[in-house]
Amino acid sequence: MRFLDYYEQRQASQCLNMAISAAEYILNELYWDDGSSAGFSYPAPSNRVQVHNANFLAAGLLCRVYKHTGEEKFLAPALSVARYSASKQHGNGSWDYGEAPSQRA
């Protein structure tokens, strides 16, 4: 995200390009959708367990890249995953680390 911060302050195109490259990796290698849920694999591409901080961080980057590029491919996956994780927030404002049984409090 620091690349985008610097880009927004200095309009340094190389920083935007690095952020786009990171967003492409997240979208192409870590994003998954099995029809009933979607997420960003964490810690490895083969892991398809919902981890809320990974979902929000990846979604945030994709949304910011979309803001600067207008490339729609970044927006829908980001919003889908962020909405899923937001729906799992507890009444007291907390989240479990993730949705696997071993990740719940």
N, C-alpha and C. Protein backbone atom coordinates (compact mmCIF):
# COMPACT_ATOMS: atom_id res chain seq x y z
N MET A 1 0.82 -1.19 0.00
CA MET A 1 0.00 0.00 0.00
C MET A 1 0.87 1.26 0.00
N ARG A 2 2.06 1.14 0.50
CA ARG A 2 2.96 2.30 0.53
C ARG A 2 3.26 2.81 -0.87
N PHE A 3 3.32 1.89 -1.85
CA PHE A 3 3.55 2.33 -3.22
C PHE A 3 2.45 3.28 -3.67
N LEU A 4 1.21 2.95 -3.31
CA LEU A 4 0.10 3.82 -3.70
C LEU A 4 0.12 5.13 -2.93
N ASP A 5 0.52 5.09 -1.68
CA ASP A 5 0.65 6.33 -0.92
C ASP A 5 1.64 7.27 -1.61
N TYR A 6 2.78 6.72 -1.99
CA TYR A 6 3.81 7.53 -2.65
C TYR A 6 3.32 8.02 -4.01
N TYR A 7 2.64 7.13 -4.74
CA TYR A 7 2.09 7.53 -6.04
C TYR A 7 1.12 8.70 -5.87
N GLU A 8 0.25 8.61 -4.87
CA GLU A 8 -0.74 9.67 -4.67
C GLU A 8 -0.09 11.00 -4.28
N GLN A 9 1.05 10.96 -3.62
CA GLN A 9 1.74 12.18 -3.22
C GLN A 9 2.60 12.75 -4.34
N ARG A 10 3.28 11.88 -5.08
CA ARG A 10 4.30 12.32 -6.03
C ARG A 10 3.99 12.04 -7.50
N GLN A 11 2.91 11.29 -7.75
CA GLN A 11 2.56 10.88 -9.10
C GLN A 11 3.70 10.13 -9.79
N ALA A 12 4.40 9.32 -9.02
CA ALA A 12 5.50 8.51 -9.53
C ALA A 12 4.92 7.25 -10.18
N SER A 13 4.91 7.22 -11.51
CA SER A 13 4.26 6.14 -12.23
C SER A 13 4.85 4.77 -11.92
N GLN A 14 6.14 4.70 -11.61
CA GLN A 14 6.74 3.40 -11.29
C GLN A 14 6.12 2.82 -10.03
N CYS A 15 5.70 3.65 -9.11
CA CYS A 15 5.05 3.15 -7.89
C CYS A 15 3.66 2.60 -8.19
N LEU A 16 2.94 3.28 -9.06
CA LEU A 16 1.64 2.76 -9.48
C LEU A 16 1.84 1.43 -10.21
N ASN A 17 2.84 1.34 -11.04
CA ASN A 17 3.10 0.09 -11.77
C ASN A 17 3.40 -1.05 -10.81
N MET A 18 4.14 -0.79 -9.74
CA MET A 18 4.43 -1.83 -8.76
C MET A 18 3.16 -2.26 -8.03
N ALA A 19 2.30 -1.32 -7.71
CA ALA A 19 1.04 -1.65 -7.05
C ALA A 19 0.14 -2.46 -7.98
N ILE A 20 0.13 -2.10 -9.26
CA ILE A 20 -0.66 -2.87 -10.23
C ILE A 20 -0.12 -4.28 -10.33
N SER A 21 1.18 -4.43 -10.34
CA SER A 21 1.79 -5.76 -10.41
C SER A 21 1.39 -6.60 -9.19
N ALA A 22 1.41 -6.01 -8.01
CA ALA A 22 1.00 -6.72 -6.80
C ALA A 22 -0.48 -7.10 -6.88
N ALA A 23 -1.30 -6.19 -7.37
CA ALA A 23 -2.74 -6.46 -7.49
C ALA A 23 -2.99 -7.59 -8.50
N GLU A 24 -2.25 -7.59 -9.58
CA GLU A 24 -2.37 -8.66 -10.58
C GLU A 24 -2.02 -10.01 -9.96
N TYR A 25 -0.95 -10.05 -9.18
CA TYR A 25 -0.56 -11.30 -8.51
C TYR A 25 -1.68 -11.76 -7.57
N ILE A 26 -2.18 -10.87 -6.76
CA ILE A 26 -3.25 -11.22 -5.83
C ILE A 26 -4.47 -11.75 -6.58
N LEU A 27 -4.85 -11.07 -7.64
CA LEU A 27 -6.02 -11.45 -8.41
C LEU A 27 -5.80 -12.78 -9.14
N ASN A 28 -4.65 -12.95 -9.76
CA ASN A 28 -4.41 -14.13 -10.58
C ASN A 28 -3.94 -15.35 -9.81
N GLU A 29 -3.28 -15.16 -8.68
CA GLU A 29 -2.70 -16.29 -7.96
C GLU A 29 -3.39 -16.59 -6.62
N LEU A 30 -3.93 -15.59 -5.97
CA LEU A 30 -4.47 -15.79 -4.61
C LEU A 30 -5.99 -15.75 -4.53
N TYR A 31 -6.65 -15.14 -5.48
CA TYR A 31 -8.11 -15.03 -5.45
C TYR A 31 -8.73 -16.37 -5.83
N TRP A 32 -9.74 -16.76 -5.09
CA TRP A 32 -10.50 -17.96 -5.43
C TRP A 32 -11.98 -17.71 -5.20
N ASP A 33 -12.78 -18.41 -5.96
CA ASP A 33 -14.24 -18.33 -5.87
C ASP A 33 -14.76 -19.71 -6.20
N ASP A 34 -15.42 -20.34 -5.22
CA ASP A 34 -15.93 -21.69 -5.46
C ASP A 34 -17.43 -21.71 -5.69
N GLY A 35 -18.01 -20.55 -5.91
CA GLY A 35 -19.43 -20.46 -6.18
C GLY A 35 -20.25 -20.11 -4.96
N SER A 36 -19.85 -20.59 -3.79
CA SER A 36 -20.59 -20.27 -2.57
C SER A 36 -19.85 -19.24 -1.72
N SER A 37 -18.56 -19.14 -1.88
CA SER A 37 -17.78 -18.11 -1.19
C SER A 37 -16.53 -17.83 -1.99
N ALA A 38 -15.84 -16.76 -1.63
CA ALA A 38 -14.62 -16.37 -2.32
C ALA A 38 -13.67 -15.78 -1.29
N GLY A 39 -12.40 -15.76 -1.62
CA GLY A 39 -11.42 -15.19 -0.71
C GLY A 39 -10.08 -15.04 -1.38
N PHE A 40 -9.12 -14.59 -0.61
CA PHE A 40 -7.74 -14.49 -1.06
C PHE A 40 -6.94 -15.49 -0.24
N SER A 41 -6.34 -16.45 -0.91
CA SER A 41 -5.62 -17.53 -0.25
C SER A 41 -4.53 -16.97 0.65
N TYR A 42 -4.48 -17.50 1.85
CA TYR A 42 -3.46 -17.10 2.80
C TYR A 42 -3.19 -18.29 3.71
N PRO A 43 -1.99 -18.66 3.91
CA PRO A 43 -0.73 -18.03 3.52
C PRO A 43 -0.23 -18.49 2.16
N ALA A 44 -0.87 -19.49 1.54
CA ALA A 44 -0.38 -20.02 0.27
C ALA A 44 -1.54 -20.17 -0.71
N PRO A 45 -1.25 -20.11 -2.01
CA PRO A 45 -2.32 -20.23 -3.01
C PRO A 45 -3.17 -21.48 -2.87
N SER A 46 -2.62 -22.57 -2.33
CA SER A 46 -3.41 -23.79 -2.19
C SER A 46 -4.35 -23.77 -1.00
N ASN A 47 -4.23 -22.80 -0.11
CA ASN A 47 -5.04 -22.70 1.09
C ASN A 47 -6.30 -21.89 0.80
N ARG A 48 -7.45 -22.53 0.87
CA ARG A 48 -8.70 -21.85 0.58
C ARG A 48 -9.56 -21.73 1.83
N VAL A 49 -8.99 -21.14 2.84
CA VAL A 49 -9.70 -20.88 4.09
C VAL A 49 -9.84 -19.37 4.21
N GLN A 50 -11.00 -18.92 4.65
CA GLN A 50 -11.23 -17.49 4.82
C GLN A 50 -10.39 -16.97 5.99
N VAL A 51 -9.51 -16.03 5.71
CA VAL A 51 -8.73 -15.32 6.73
C VAL A 51 -9.09 -13.85 6.54
N HIS A 52 -9.77 -13.29 7.52
CA HIS A 52 -10.39 -11.98 7.32
C HIS A 52 -9.39 -10.84 7.12
N ASN A 53 -8.28 -10.84 7.84
CA ASN A 53 -7.34 -9.74 7.62
C ASN A 53 -6.73 -9.83 6.23
N ALA A 54 -6.46 -11.03 5.73
CA ALA A 54 -5.95 -11.19 4.36
C ALA A 54 -6.99 -10.71 3.36
N ASN A 55 -8.25 -11.05 3.60
CA ASN A 55 -9.32 -10.60 2.70
C ASN A 55 -9.40 -9.08 2.65
N PHE A 56 -9.41 -8.44 3.80
CA PHE A 56 -9.55 -6.98 3.83
C PHE A 56 -8.32 -6.27 3.25
N LEU A 57 -7.13 -6.76 3.57
CA LEU A 57 -5.92 -6.13 3.05
C LEU A 57 -5.85 -6.25 1.53
N ALA A 58 -6.10 -7.44 1.01
CA ALA A 58 -6.07 -7.63 -0.44
C ALA A 58 -7.17 -6.83 -1.12
N ALA A 59 -8.37 -6.84 -0.54
CA ALA A 59 -9.48 -6.08 -1.12
C ALA A 59 -9.16 -4.58 -1.13
N GLY A 60 -8.54 -4.10 -0.07
CA GLY A 60 -8.17 -2.68 -0.01
C GLY A 60 -7.20 -2.30 -1.11
N LEU A 61 -6.20 -3.14 -1.34
CA LEU A 61 -5.24 -2.86 -2.41
C LEU A 61 -5.93 -2.88 -3.77
N LEU A 62 -6.75 -3.90 -4.01
CA LEU A 62 -7.43 -3.98 -5.30
C LEU A 62 -8.34 -2.78 -5.53
N CYS A 63 -9.04 -2.33 -4.51
CA CYS A 63 -9.92 -1.16 -4.66
C CYS A 63 -9.11 0.10 -4.97
N ARG A 64 -7.99 0.25 -4.31
CA ARG A 64 -7.15 1.44 -4.56
C ARG A 64 -6.55 1.39 -5.96
N VAL A 65 -6.14 0.23 -6.40
CA VAL A 65 -5.63 0.11 -7.77
C VAL A 65 -6.74 0.41 -8.76
N TYR A 66 -7.93 -0.10 -8.51
CA TYR A 66 -9.07 0.22 -9.37
C TYR A 66 -9.31 1.73 -9.44
N LYS A 67 -9.22 2.39 -8.32
CA LYS A 67 -9.43 3.84 -8.28
C LYS A 67 -8.49 4.58 -9.24
N HIS A 68 -7.25 4.10 -9.33
CA HIS A 68 -6.26 4.79 -10.16
C HIS A 68 -6.23 4.30 -11.60
N THR A 69 -6.70 3.09 -11.84
CA THR A 69 -6.62 2.54 -13.20
C THR A 69 -7.97 2.48 -13.90
N GLY A 70 -9.04 2.39 -13.12
CA GLY A 70 -10.36 2.21 -13.70
C GLY A 70 -10.59 0.81 -14.25
N GLU A 71 -9.68 -0.11 -13.98
CA GLU A 71 -9.80 -1.48 -14.49
C GLU A 71 -10.78 -2.27 -13.63
N GLU A 72 -11.93 -2.56 -14.21
CA GLU A 72 -13.03 -3.22 -13.51
C GLU A 72 -12.65 -4.57 -12.92
N LYS A 73 -11.70 -5.26 -13.53
CA LYS A 73 -11.35 -6.61 -13.06
C LYS A 73 -10.91 -6.63 -11.61
N PHE A 74 -10.45 -5.49 -11.09
CA PHE A 74 -10.00 -5.43 -9.71
C PHE A 74 -11.15 -5.22 -8.72
N LEU A 75 -12.22 -4.63 -9.17
CA LEU A 75 -13.26 -4.18 -8.24
C LEU A 75 -14.19 -5.29 -7.74
N ALA A 76 -14.77 -6.06 -8.63
CA ALA A 76 -15.77 -7.05 -8.22
C ALA A 76 -15.22 -8.08 -7.23
N PRO A 77 -14.05 -8.68 -7.48
CA PRO A 77 -13.52 -9.63 -6.49
C PRO A 77 -13.26 -8.97 -5.14
N ALA A 78 -12.74 -7.75 -5.16
CA ALA A 78 -12.45 -7.05 -3.91
C ALA A 78 -13.72 -6.82 -3.10
N LEU A 79 -14.75 -6.35 -3.75
CA LEU A 79 -16.00 -6.07 -3.03
C LEU A 79 -16.66 -7.35 -2.54
N SER A 80 -16.63 -8.38 -3.34
CA SER A 80 -17.23 -9.66 -2.94
C SER A 80 -16.59 -10.21 -1.68
N VAL A 81 -15.27 -10.22 -1.66
CA VAL A 81 -14.55 -10.77 -0.52
C VAL A 81 -14.70 -9.87 0.71
N ALA A 82 -14.63 -8.57 0.53
CA ALA A 82 -14.79 -7.65 1.66
C ALA A 82 -16.19 -7.77 2.25
N ARG A 83 -17.19 -7.90 1.42
CA ARG A 83 -18.57 -8.06 1.93
C ARG A 83 -18.70 -9.36 2.72
N TYR A 84 -18.08 -10.42 2.22
CA TYR A 84 -18.13 -11.69 2.95
C TYR A 84 -17.52 -11.53 4.34
N SER A 85 -16.31 -11.00 4.40
CA SER A 85 -15.65 -10.86 5.70
C SER A 85 -16.40 -9.89 6.61
N ALA A 86 -16.94 -8.82 6.06
CA ALA A 86 -17.72 -7.88 6.87
C ALA A 86 -18.94 -8.56 7.47
N SER A 87 -19.53 -9.50 6.73
CA SER A 87 -20.73 -10.19 7.23
C SER A 87 -20.41 -11.12 8.39
N LYS A 88 -19.14 -11.42 8.61
CA LYS A 88 -18.74 -12.31 9.69
C LYS A 88 -18.35 -11.57 10.98
N GLN A 89 -18.51 -10.26 10.97
CA GLN A 89 -18.18 -9.48 12.17
C GLN A 89 -19.17 -9.80 13.29
N HIS A 90 -18.67 -9.96 14.49
CA HIS A 90 -19.52 -10.24 15.66
C HIS A 90 -20.18 -8.96 16.16
N GLY A 91 -21.19 -9.12 16.94
CA GLY A 91 -21.93 -7.99 17.49
C GLY A 91 -21.07 -7.03 18.30
N ASN A 92 -19.99 -7.53 18.89
CA ASN A 92 -19.12 -6.66 19.69
C ASN A 92 -18.04 -5.98 18.85
N GLY A 93 -18.11 -6.17 17.51
CA GLY A 93 -17.16 -5.51 16.61
C GLY A 93 -15.94 -6.34 16.27
N SER A 94 -15.79 -7.50 16.86
CA SER A 94 -14.61 -8.33 16.60
C SER A 94 -14.88 -9.33 15.48
N TRP A 95 -13.80 -9.94 15.02
CA TRP A 95 -13.86 -11.04 14.06
C TRP A 95 -13.06 -12.19 14.62
N ASP A 96 -13.41 -13.39 14.21
CA ASP A 96 -12.50 -14.51 14.39
C ASP A 96 -11.36 -14.29 13.42
N TYR A 97 -10.23 -14.93 13.65
CA TYR A 97 -9.10 -14.80 12.73
C TYR A 97 -9.51 -15.26 11.34
N GLY A 98 -10.22 -16.36 11.29
CA GLY A 98 -10.68 -16.91 10.03
C GLY A 98 -11.86 -17.82 10.24
N GLU A 99 -12.25 -18.52 9.21
CA GLU A 99 -13.45 -19.35 9.28
C GLU A 99 -13.18 -20.84 9.50
N ALA A 100 -11.94 -21.25 9.47
CA ALA A 100 -11.63 -22.66 9.80
C ALA A 100 -11.89 -22.87 11.29
N PRO A 101 -12.32 -24.06 11.69
CA PRO A 101 -12.59 -24.30 13.11
C PRO A 101 -11.42 -23.94 14.03
N SER A 102 -10.20 -24.16 13.57
CA SER A 102 -9.04 -23.85 14.41
C SER A 102 -8.75 -22.35 14.48
N GLN A 103 -9.44 -21.54 13.69
CA GLN A 103 -9.21 -20.09 13.66
C GLN A 103 -10.26 -19.31 14.42
N ARG A 104 -11.16 -19.99 15.04
CA ARG A 104 -12.26 -19.32 15.75
C ARG A 104 -11.97 -19.29 17.24
N ALA A 105 -12.43 -18.24 17.85
CA ALA A 105 -12.21 -18.07 19.30
C ALA A 105 -13.09 -18.98 20.13
